Amino acid sequence: MKSDKISEAVVRRLPVYLRYLNALHKREVATVSSQELGQRLDLNPAQIRKDLAYFGDFGRKGIGYDVSYLIEKIRHILKIDQQINVVLVGAGNLGQALSNYNAYLKDNMKIVAVFDAFPDKVGARINTLVVQPMDELEATVKEKNIRIGIITVPDFEAQHVADRLIESGIGAILNFAPIILKAPANIRIHATDFTTDLLSLAYYLEDGKEEAQYDSEQVDN
């Protein structure tokens, strides 16, 4: 089945499976069942089997999944069995944190270039990377065969940065700016909005303590 027919929810679960499988591999666990995966990841085992079945028949009845084999297959499905170069635009606190974290990743997806528009940030070193000026963006993307861009600039600059990334040949963008970006249909954009995610958590907080305190005050009066 072609990947464009697979739902986004399925694709987003694949890295979750891969992370747990890698943990099992480090512990030298050879096989795992969908039941165990479901228990560990708080997912329905039938959903896991269905997700994986979109891409092939990877399990063996009564045995489960070969951990090493399934890791290899999921990496291939996610295209991270090949080198995928990433560029980050915005060398502020968040950009530096992401770049520093990236330095310790042992995977084929790497941030290989960092850019910023502010002269005082250009030339700064973040681990092995040196922050480059924006006028070198397009040439660097082509030279290093960069395919994914990360945007960590203020919202009023994000769309301009996205446009430049797309014009330079980027195929996908991870956007940390609190703004909805516009892009051609063939460009994939995932948004990560820390503020929205944090605020939405407030909805799920229990009100029990507040209500109990209010009831107590009513009784005292």
Protein backbone atom coordinates (compact mmCIF):
# COMPACT_ATOMS: atom_id res chain seq x y z
CA MET A 1 0.00 0.00 0.00
CA LYS A 2 1.34 3.45 -0.89
CA SER A 3 2.38 5.63 2.02
CA ASP A 4 0.10 8.47 0.95
CA LYS A 5 -2.88 6.23 1.73
CA ILE A 6 -1.70 5.58 5.28
CA SER A 7 -3.29 7.82 7.90
CA GLU A 8 -1.14 10.30 9.78
CA ALA A 9 -2.07 8.62 13.07
CA VAL A 10 -0.50 5.36 11.89
CA VAL A 11 2.69 7.09 10.74
CA ARG A 12 3.00 8.94 14.06
CA ARG A 13 2.74 5.66 15.97
CA LEU A 14 5.60 4.01 14.07
CA PRO A 15 8.34 6.01 15.88
CA VAL A 16 6.70 5.05 19.18
CA TYR A 17 6.97 1.39 18.25
CA LEU A 18 10.54 1.88 17.09
CA ARG A 19 11.63 3.54 20.31
CA TYR A 20 10.34 0.65 22.43
CA LEU A 21 11.76 -1.95 20.05
CA ASN A 22 15.17 -0.27 20.29
CA ALA A 23 14.93 -0.48 24.07
CA LEU A 24 14.16 -4.20 23.80
CA HIS A 25 17.06 -4.67 21.41
CA LYS A 26 19.46 -3.07 23.90
CA ARG A 27 18.25 -5.60 26.47
CA GLU A 28 18.89 -8.38 23.93
CA VAL A 29 15.20 -9.34 23.77
CA ALA A 30 14.72 -11.40 20.61
CA THR A 31 10.92 -11.43 20.13
CA VAL A 32 7.92 -9.46 21.31
CA SER A 33 4.18 -9.97 20.95
CA SER A 34 1.62 -7.35 20.02
CA GLN A 35 0.09 -8.00 23.44
CA GLU A 36 3.27 -6.96 25.21
CA LEU A 37 3.72 -3.97 22.92
CA GLY A 38 0.16 -2.93 23.68
CA GLN A 39 0.64 -3.22 27.44
CA ARG A 40 3.90 -1.28 27.43
CA LEU A 41 2.66 1.46 25.09
CA ASP A 42 -0.92 1.62 26.36
CA LEU A 43 -2.29 0.74 22.94
CA ASN A 44 -4.73 -1.88 21.68
CA PRO A 45 -2.74 -4.91 20.42
CA ALA A 46 -5.18 -5.23 17.52
CA GLN A 47 -4.38 -1.63 16.55
CA ILE A 48 -0.66 -2.40 16.57
CA ARG A 49 -1.14 -5.46 14.36
CA LYS A 50 -3.31 -3.42 11.99
CA ASP A 51 -0.78 -0.59 11.83
CA LEU A 52 2.08 -2.91 10.95
CA ALA A 53 -0.03 -4.93 8.51
CA TYR A 54 -0.37 -1.84 6.30
CA PHE A 55 3.28 -2.29 5.41
CA GLY A 56 3.69 -6.07 5.36
CA ASP A 57 3.39 -9.33 7.25
CA PHE A 58 6.05 -9.00 9.94
CA GLY A 59 4.75 -11.26 12.71
CA ARG A 60 4.60 -15.03 13.22
CA LYS A 61 1.58 -16.58 14.86
CA GLY A 62 2.39 -17.92 18.32
CA ILE A 63 5.81 -16.25 18.32
CA GLY A 64 5.22 -12.56 17.70
CA TYR A 65 7.64 -10.15 16.09
CA ASP A 66 11.37 -10.59 15.65
CA VAL A 67 12.67 -7.43 17.33
CA SER A 68 15.73 -6.89 15.13
CA TYR A 69 13.80 -7.58 11.95
CA LEU A 70 10.93 -5.27 12.89
CA ILE A 71 13.37 -2.48 13.78
CA GLU A 72 14.94 -2.84 10.35
CA LYS A 73 11.55 -2.76 8.61
CA ILE A 74 10.19 0.25 10.52
CA ARG A 75 13.41 2.17 9.90
CA HIS A 76 12.98 1.42 6.19
CA ILE A 77 9.32 2.50 6.25
CA LEU A 78 10.29 5.77 7.96
CA LYS A 79 13.18 6.17 5.49
CA ILE A 80 15.71 6.50 8.31
CA ASP A 81 17.73 3.58 7.03
CA GLN A 82 19.35 6.29 4.89
CA GLN A 83 21.05 9.55 5.81
CA ILE A 84 18.52 12.38 6.13
CA ASN A 85 20.07 15.80 6.60
CA VAL A 86 18.21 18.50 8.51
CA VAL A 87 18.67 22.27 8.68
CA LEU A 88 17.64 24.40 11.65
CA VAL A 89 16.81 28.11 11.29
CA GLY A 90 16.82 30.12 14.50
CA ALA A 91 19.80 29.82 16.86
CA GLY A 92 18.02 31.11 19.95
CA ASN A 93 17.63 29.14 23.18
CA LEU A 94 15.30 26.53 21.66
CA GLY A 95 17.38 26.17 18.50
CA GLN A 96 20.55 25.71 20.54
CA ALA A 97 18.86 23.12 22.76
CA LEU A 98 17.69 21.13 19.74
CA SER A 99 21.11 21.33 18.13
CA ASN A 100 22.83 20.21 21.33
CA TYR A 101 20.41 17.29 21.70
CA ASN A 102 20.97 16.37 18.07
CA ALA A 103 24.71 16.00 18.67
CA TYR A 104 24.08 12.98 20.88
CA LEU A 105 21.63 11.20 18.59
CA LYS A 106 22.88 7.97 17.12
CA ASP A 107 20.69 7.90 14.05
CA ASN A 108 20.69 8.75 10.37
CA MET A 109 18.62 11.91 10.83
CA LYS A 110 20.93 14.77 11.77
CA ILE A 111 20.93 18.54 11.96
CA VAL A 112 23.86 19.37 9.69
CA ALA A 113 23.49 23.16 9.47
CA VAL A 114 22.18 26.00 11.66
CA PHE A 115 21.24 29.49 10.46
CA ASP A 116 20.27 32.78 12.03
CA ALA A 117 19.55 36.28 10.73
CA PHE A 118 21.14 38.12 13.67
CA PRO A 119 24.82 39.01 13.15
CA ASP A 120 25.65 38.49 16.83
CA LYS A 121 24.64 34.81 16.55
CA VAL A 122 26.41 34.14 13.24
CA GLY A 123 29.74 32.42 13.80
CA ALA A 124 28.79 31.01 17.19
CA ARG A 125 29.59 27.33 17.66
CA ILE A 126 26.97 24.81 18.80
CA ASN A 127 28.88 21.59 19.34
CA THR A 128 30.31 20.75 15.91
CA LEU A 129 28.13 23.25 14.02
CA VAL A 130 28.82 26.91 13.32
CA VAL A 131 25.81 29.24 12.94
CA GLN A 132 25.67 30.49 9.36
CA PRO A 133 24.18 33.69 7.91
CA MET A 134 20.88 33.44 6.05
CA ASP A 135 22.39 34.40 2.71
CA GLU A 136 24.11 31.00 2.67
CA LEU A 137 20.89 29.04 3.22
CA GLU A 138 19.94 28.03 -0.33
CA ALA A 139 23.48 27.03 -1.34
CA THR A 140 23.98 24.99 1.84
CA VAL A 141 20.68 23.13 1.44
CA LYS A 142 21.69 22.05 -2.04
CA GLU A 143 25.32 21.33 -1.18
CA LYS A 144 24.47 19.13 1.80
CA ASN A 145 21.36 17.56 0.24
CA ILE A 146 19.21 18.77 3.13
CA ARG A 147 15.63 17.50 3.00
CA ILE A 148 13.98 18.63 6.25
CA GLY A 149 13.89 22.05 7.88
CA ILE A 150 13.27 23.01 11.50
CA ILE A 151 11.97 26.51 12.24
CA THR A 152 12.62 28.03 15.67
CA VAL A 153 12.26 31.72 14.83
CA PRO A 154 9.65 34.24 16.12
CA ASP A 155 6.20 33.95 14.56
CA PHE A 156 6.54 37.09 12.43
CA GLU A 157 9.59 35.62 10.68
CA ALA A 158 8.39 32.03 10.33
CA GLN A 159 6.49 32.27 7.04
CA HIS A 160 9.38 34.04 5.31
CA VAL A 161 11.79 31.37 6.55
CA ALA A 162 9.43 28.62 5.43
CA ASP A 163 9.18 30.16 1.96
CA ARG A 164 12.95 30.25 1.64
CA LEU A 165 13.32 26.67 2.82
CA ILE A 166 10.72 25.49 0.32
CA GLU A 167 12.31 27.46 -2.52
CA SER A 168 15.66 25.89 -1.68
CA GLY A 169 14.25 22.39 -2.11
CA ILE A 170 13.17 21.34 1.39
CA GLY A 171 10.41 18.70 1.34
CA ALA A 172 9.22 18.83 4.97
CA ILE A 173 9.23 21.29 7.85
CA LEU A 174 8.97 20.97 11.63
CA ASN A 175 7.63 24.31 12.84
CA PHE A 176 8.08 25.48 16.43
CA ALA A 177 6.82 29.01 15.75
CA PRO A 178 3.29 29.72 17.05
CA ILE A 179 1.83 30.37 13.62
CA ILE A 180 0.11 28.31 10.93
CA LEU A 181 2.40 28.18 7.92
CA LYS A 182 1.18 28.20 4.33
CA ALA A 183 2.90 25.86 1.89
CA PRO A 184 2.27 23.98 -1.37
CA ALA A 185 0.36 20.70 -1.05
CA ASN A 186 3.50 18.65 -1.69
CA ILE A 187 5.29 20.11 1.36
CA ARG A 188 4.64 18.37 4.65
CA ILE A 189 4.51 20.60 7.73
CA HIS A 190 4.25 19.44 11.33
CA ALA A 191 3.66 22.07 13.99
CA THR A 192 4.87 21.88 17.56
CA ASP A 193 3.33 24.62 19.71
CA PHE A 194 4.62 24.41 23.28
CA THR A 195 2.28 27.13 24.58
CA THR A 196 -0.87 25.58 23.09
CA ASP A 197 0.05 22.12 24.36
CA LEU A 198 0.75 23.45 27.85
CA LEU A 199 -2.45 25.49 28.03
CA SER A 200 -4.56 22.60 26.82
CA LEU A 201 -3.26 20.47 29.70
CA ALA A 202 -5.02 22.81 32.12
CA TYR A 203 -8.37 21.52 30.86
CA TYR A 204 -7.57 18.05 32.20
CA LEU A 205 -6.60 19.15 35.71
CA GLU A 206 -8.80 17.81 38.47
CA ASP A 207 -10.99 20.41 40.17
CA GLY A 208 -11.55 18.29 43.26
CA LYS A 209 -9.21 20.19 45.60
CA GLU A 210 -10.66 23.56 44.65
CA GLU A 211 -14.23 22.31 45.09
CA ALA A 212 -13.38 20.67 48.41
CA GLN A 213 -11.83 23.90 49.69
CA TYR A 214 -14.90 25.87 48.61
CA ASP A 215 -17.25 23.41 50.37
CA SER A 216 -15.16 23.64 53.54
CA GLU A 217 -15.35 27.42 53.53
CA GLN A 218 -19.15 27.23 53.13
CA VAL A 219 -19.43 24.93 56.17
CA ASP A 220 -17.19 27.17 58.30
CA ASN A 221 -19.39 30.13 57.51
